[in-house]
Amino acid sequence: LIRTPHANDVLCGRGGRINAHEGNVRFREIVNEMKHVYLAKTTKKLDKAHIAASIVTKIRTLDPPGRFLKEDGTSGQWVDIGDEKARKKAGQALRE
């Protein structure tokens, strides 16, 4: 469990506090850089998966490494959602 997310972490959930978090702002910037390739008619499904995975890798290899965190409703602490859910989040963001 993580008590305090740092600036490179991407927070999952809704609302202004999450959207305004520095890591989420950076995440959206990275997503927007890749969006035109992802949404191109010639981009195959497998390539789309690779694009989403590359975004997760980019966040996870920052210094300090970024994590994809979800708030635990009971403790109010944060938990890493793992790579699969992080890739799904990236894919969803690319489609928005």
N, C-alpha and C. Protein backbone atom coordinates (compact mmCIF):
# COMPACT_ATOMS: atom_id res chain seq x y z
N LEU A 1 0.84 -1.20 0.00
CA LEU A 1 0.00 0.00 0.00
C LEU A 1 0.87 1.25 0.00
N ILE A 2 0.42 2.24 -0.74
CA ILE A 2 1.17 3.48 -0.89
C ILE A 2 0.40 4.61 -0.22
N ARG A 3 1.04 5.29 0.72
CA ARG A 3 0.37 6.36 1.46
C ARG A 3 0.22 7.62 0.60
N THR A 4 1.31 8.05 -0.03
CA THR A 4 1.29 9.30 -0.79
C THR A 4 1.84 9.08 -2.20
N PRO A 5 1.00 9.24 -3.22
CA PRO A 5 1.49 9.12 -4.60
C PRO A 5 2.49 10.24 -4.90
N HIS A 6 3.48 9.95 -5.74
CA HIS A 6 4.44 10.99 -6.13
C HIS A 6 4.08 11.55 -7.51
N ALA A 7 4.85 12.52 -7.97
CA ALA A 7 4.52 13.30 -9.17
C ALA A 7 4.46 12.48 -10.45
N ASN A 8 5.14 11.33 -10.51
CA ASN A 8 5.12 10.51 -11.73
C ASN A 8 4.01 9.47 -11.74
N ASP A 9 3.31 9.32 -10.63
CA ASP A 9 2.24 8.32 -10.55
C ASP A 9 1.01 8.78 -11.32
N VAL A 10 0.33 7.81 -11.94
CA VAL A 10 -0.93 8.06 -12.63
C VAL A 10 -2.04 7.52 -11.72
N LEU A 11 -2.97 8.39 -11.36
CA LEU A 11 -4.04 8.00 -10.44
C LEU A 11 -5.27 7.60 -11.23
N CYS A 12 -5.89 6.50 -10.81
CA CYS A 12 -7.10 6.02 -11.48
C CYS A 12 -8.30 6.48 -10.67
N GLY A 13 -9.35 6.85 -11.37
CA GLY A 13 -10.56 7.34 -10.71
C GLY A 13 -11.06 8.57 -11.42
N ARG A 14 -12.02 9.23 -10.82
CA ARG A 14 -12.62 10.39 -11.44
C ARG A 14 -12.44 11.63 -10.58
N GLY A 15 -12.67 12.77 -11.21
CA GLY A 15 -12.69 14.01 -10.42
C GLY A 15 -11.50 14.91 -10.67
N GLY A 16 -11.66 16.15 -10.25
CA GLY A 16 -10.67 17.19 -10.48
C GLY A 16 -9.34 16.91 -9.82
N ARG A 17 -9.37 16.37 -8.61
CA ARG A 17 -8.14 16.10 -7.85
C ARG A 17 -7.26 15.11 -8.63
N ILE A 18 -7.89 14.11 -9.22
CA ILE A 18 -7.15 13.10 -9.98
C ILE A 18 -6.69 13.66 -11.31
N ASN A 19 -7.58 14.35 -12.03
CA ASN A 19 -7.24 14.94 -13.33
C ASN A 19 -6.09 15.93 -13.22
N ALA A 20 -6.05 16.70 -12.13
CA ALA A 20 -5.06 17.75 -11.96
C ALA A 20 -3.71 17.20 -11.46
N HIS A 21 -3.68 15.93 -11.02
CA HIS A 21 -2.44 15.36 -10.51
C HIS A 21 -1.37 15.38 -11.60
N GLU A 22 -0.16 15.79 -11.23
CA GLU A 22 0.94 15.98 -12.19
C GLU A 22 1.19 14.75 -13.08
N GLY A 23 1.15 13.57 -12.48
CA GLY A 23 1.37 12.33 -13.25
C GLY A 23 0.29 12.10 -14.29
N ASN A 24 -0.96 12.46 -13.95
CA ASN A 24 -2.07 12.31 -14.90
C ASN A 24 -1.96 13.30 -16.05
N VAL A 25 -1.49 14.51 -15.74
CA VAL A 25 -1.29 15.52 -16.78
C VAL A 25 -0.23 15.00 -17.76
N ARG A 26 0.88 14.49 -17.25
CA ARG A 26 1.94 13.94 -18.09
C ARG A 26 1.42 12.76 -18.90
N PHE A 27 0.65 11.87 -18.26
CA PHE A 27 0.06 10.70 -18.93
C PHE A 27 -0.77 11.15 -20.13
N ARG A 28 -1.61 12.17 -19.94
CA ARG A 28 -2.46 12.67 -21.04
C ARG A 28 -1.61 13.28 -22.16
N GLU A 29 -0.52 13.95 -21.78
CA GLU A 29 0.39 14.52 -22.80
C GLU A 29 1.00 13.41 -23.65
N ILE A 30 1.45 12.34 -23.01
CA ILE A 30 2.04 11.20 -23.73
C ILE A 30 0.98 10.55 -24.62
N VAL A 31 -0.22 10.37 -24.08
CA VAL A 31 -1.33 9.79 -24.85
C VAL A 31 -1.61 10.65 -26.08
N ASN A 32 -1.68 11.96 -25.90
CA ASN A 32 -1.99 12.85 -27.02
C ASN A 32 -0.92 12.81 -28.11
N GLU A 33 0.34 12.59 -27.70
CA GLU A 33 1.43 12.47 -28.67
C GLU A 33 1.26 11.24 -29.56
N MET A 34 0.68 10.17 -29.01
CA MET A 34 0.57 8.89 -29.72
C MET A 34 -0.79 8.69 -30.40
N LYS A 35 -1.75 9.54 -30.05
CA LYS A 35 -3.14 9.33 -30.47
C LYS A 35 -3.31 9.26 -31.98
N HIS A 36 -2.62 10.16 -32.73
CA HIS A 36 -2.80 10.18 -34.19
C HIS A 36 -2.38 8.85 -34.83
N VAL A 37 -1.33 8.22 -34.29
CA VAL A 37 -0.88 6.93 -34.81
C VAL A 37 -1.90 5.85 -34.45
N TYR A 38 -2.34 5.87 -33.19
CA TYR A 38 -3.29 4.88 -32.69
C TYR A 38 -4.58 4.90 -33.49
N LEU A 39 -5.09 6.10 -33.77
CA LEU A 39 -6.38 6.25 -34.43
C LEU A 39 -6.31 6.18 -35.96
N ALA A 40 -5.09 6.10 -36.52
CA ALA A 40 -4.95 6.02 -37.98
C ALA A 40 -5.63 4.76 -38.51
N LYS A 41 -6.28 4.88 -39.66
CA LYS A 41 -7.01 3.74 -40.25
C LYS A 41 -6.11 2.56 -40.55
N THR A 42 -4.82 2.83 -40.79
CA THR A 42 -3.88 1.76 -41.16
C THR A 42 -3.29 1.03 -39.94
N THR A 43 -3.56 1.54 -38.73
CA THR A 43 -2.98 0.92 -37.53
C THR A 43 -3.74 -0.35 -37.16
N LYS A 44 -3.03 -1.46 -37.14
CA LYS A 44 -3.63 -2.77 -36.83
C LYS A 44 -3.83 -2.92 -35.33
N LYS A 45 -4.72 -3.86 -34.98
CA LYS A 45 -5.07 -4.08 -33.58
C LYS A 45 -3.83 -4.40 -32.72
N LEU A 46 -2.95 -5.23 -33.25
CA LEU A 46 -1.74 -5.59 -32.51
C LEU A 46 -0.86 -4.37 -32.27
N ASP A 47 -0.76 -3.50 -33.29
CA ASP A 47 0.02 -2.27 -33.15
C ASP A 47 -0.59 -1.36 -32.08
N LYS A 48 -1.92 -1.33 -32.02
CA LYS A 48 -2.60 -0.52 -31.00
C LYS A 48 -2.23 -1.01 -29.61
N ALA A 49 -2.19 -2.34 -29.44
CA ALA A 49 -1.80 -2.92 -28.15
C ALA A 49 -0.37 -2.51 -27.79
N HIS A 50 0.52 -2.51 -28.80
CA HIS A 50 1.91 -2.12 -28.57
C HIS A 50 2.01 -0.65 -28.18
N ILE A 51 1.20 0.20 -28.79
CA ILE A 51 1.21 1.63 -28.47
C ILE A 51 0.79 1.84 -27.01
N ALA A 52 -0.31 1.17 -26.60
CA ALA A 52 -0.78 1.28 -25.22
C ALA A 52 0.30 0.79 -24.25
N ALA A 53 0.93 -0.33 -24.59
CA ALA A 53 1.98 -0.90 -23.73
C ALA A 53 3.18 0.05 -23.65
N SER A 54 3.50 0.73 -24.76
CA SER A 54 4.66 1.63 -24.75
C SER A 54 4.41 2.83 -23.84
N ILE A 55 3.15 3.26 -23.74
CA ILE A 55 2.81 4.37 -22.84
C ILE A 55 3.03 3.93 -21.38
N VAL A 56 2.58 2.72 -21.06
CA VAL A 56 2.77 2.20 -19.70
C VAL A 56 4.26 2.10 -19.39
N THR A 57 5.04 1.60 -20.34
CA THR A 57 6.49 1.47 -20.16
C THR A 57 7.12 2.85 -19.94
N LYS A 58 6.68 3.83 -20.72
CA LYS A 58 7.23 5.19 -20.61
C LYS A 58 7.01 5.73 -19.19
N ILE A 59 5.81 5.53 -18.64
CA ILE A 59 5.48 6.00 -17.28
C ILE A 59 6.30 5.22 -16.25
N ARG A 60 6.38 3.91 -16.42
CA ARG A 60 7.05 3.05 -15.44
C ARG A 60 8.57 3.23 -15.44
N THR A 61 9.13 3.80 -16.52
CA THR A 61 10.59 3.98 -16.57
C THR A 61 11.02 5.42 -16.26
N LEU A 62 10.08 6.26 -15.83
CA LEU A 62 10.44 7.61 -15.40
C LEU A 62 11.28 7.51 -14.13
N ASP A 63 11.88 8.62 -13.74
CA ASP A 63 12.67 8.65 -12.51
C ASP A 63 12.09 9.69 -11.56
N PRO A 64 11.50 9.32 -10.42
CA PRO A 64 11.26 7.95 -9.97
C PRO A 64 10.19 7.27 -10.83
N PRO A 65 10.20 5.92 -10.86
CA PRO A 65 9.26 5.19 -11.72
C PRO A 65 7.80 5.55 -11.40
N GLY A 66 7.03 5.80 -12.44
CA GLY A 66 5.61 6.08 -12.27
C GLY A 66 4.84 4.79 -12.03
N ARG A 67 3.82 4.88 -11.23
CA ARG A 67 2.96 3.72 -10.96
C ARG A 67 1.54 4.10 -11.36
N PHE A 68 0.73 3.10 -11.63
CA PHE A 68 -0.69 3.32 -11.92
C PHE A 68 -1.44 2.92 -10.66
N LEU A 69 -2.01 3.91 -9.97
CA LEU A 69 -2.55 3.67 -8.63
C LEU A 69 -4.04 3.90 -8.56
N LYS A 70 -4.68 3.06 -7.73
CA LYS A 70 -6.10 3.20 -7.46
C LYS A 70 -6.25 3.33 -5.94
N GLU A 71 -7.11 4.23 -5.52
CA GLU A 71 -7.29 4.44 -4.08
C GLU A 71 -8.11 3.31 -3.49
N ASP A 72 -7.63 2.78 -2.36
CA ASP A 72 -8.36 1.76 -1.62
C ASP A 72 -9.39 2.48 -0.76
N GLY A 73 -10.65 2.22 -1.02
CA GLY A 73 -11.74 2.91 -0.35
C GLY A 73 -11.73 2.79 1.17
N THR A 74 -11.28 1.65 1.67
CA THR A 74 -11.28 1.39 3.10
C THR A 74 -10.16 2.14 3.82
N SER A 75 -8.93 1.97 3.34
CA SER A 75 -7.77 2.53 4.06
C SER A 75 -7.41 3.94 3.59
N GLY A 76 -7.90 4.32 2.39
CA GLY A 76 -7.53 5.61 1.84
C GLY A 76 -6.11 5.63 1.28
N GLN A 77 -5.46 4.45 1.29
CA GLN A 77 -4.12 4.35 0.70
C GLN A 77 -4.25 3.92 -0.76
N TRP A 78 -3.13 3.86 -1.47
CA TRP A 78 -3.13 3.60 -2.90
C TRP A 78 -2.50 2.26 -3.21
N VAL A 79 -3.04 1.58 -4.24
CA VAL A 79 -2.54 0.27 -4.67
C VAL A 79 -2.22 0.33 -6.15
N ASP A 80 -1.12 -0.32 -6.55
CA ASP A 80 -0.77 -0.40 -7.98
C ASP A 80 -1.74 -1.36 -8.67
N ILE A 81 -2.32 -0.93 -9.80
CA ILE A 81 -3.32 -1.75 -10.50
C ILE A 81 -2.68 -2.81 -11.40
N GLY A 82 -1.37 -2.74 -11.61
CA GLY A 82 -0.69 -3.73 -12.44
C GLY A 82 -0.69 -3.33 -13.91
N ASP A 83 0.14 -4.03 -14.69
CA ASP A 83 0.36 -3.66 -16.09
C ASP A 83 -0.86 -3.87 -16.99
N GLU A 84 -1.57 -4.96 -16.78
CA GLU A 84 -2.71 -5.25 -17.67
C GLU A 84 -3.77 -4.14 -17.58
N LYS A 85 -4.15 -3.79 -16.36
CA LYS A 85 -5.14 -2.71 -16.17
C LYS A 85 -4.58 -1.37 -16.63
N ALA A 86 -3.28 -1.16 -16.43
CA ALA A 86 -2.64 0.08 -16.88
C ALA A 86 -2.70 0.18 -18.40
N ARG A 87 -2.46 -0.94 -19.10
CA ARG A 87 -2.55 -0.94 -20.57
C ARG A 87 -3.98 -0.67 -21.01
N LYS A 88 -4.96 -1.22 -20.30
CA LYS A 88 -6.37 -0.96 -20.62
C LYS A 88 -6.69 0.53 -20.44
N LYS A 89 -6.16 1.12 -19.37
CA LYS A 89 -6.37 2.55 -19.12
C LYS A 89 -5.76 3.37 -20.25
N ALA A 90 -4.56 3.01 -20.68
CA ALA A 90 -3.89 3.73 -21.77
C ALA A 90 -4.69 3.59 -23.07
N GLY A 91 -5.15 2.38 -23.35
CA GLY A 91 -5.95 2.14 -24.56
C GLY A 91 -7.23 2.96 -24.55
N GLN A 92 -7.88 3.00 -23.42
CA GLN A 92 -9.11 3.79 -23.28
C GLN A 92 -8.82 5.28 -23.50
N ALA A 93 -7.75 5.77 -22.91
CA ALA A 93 -7.36 7.18 -23.06
C ALA A 93 -7.05 7.51 -24.52
N LEU A 94 -6.44 6.56 -25.23
CA LEU A 94 -6.11 6.78 -26.64
C LEU A 94 -7.38 6.89 -27.49
N ARG A 95 -8.43 6.21 -27.07
CA ARG A 95 -9.70 6.24 -27.83
C ARG A 95 -10.57 7.45 -27.52
N GLU A 96 -10.29 8.15 -26.42
CA GLU A 96 -11.15 9.26 -26.01
C GLU A 96 -10.98 10.48 -26.90
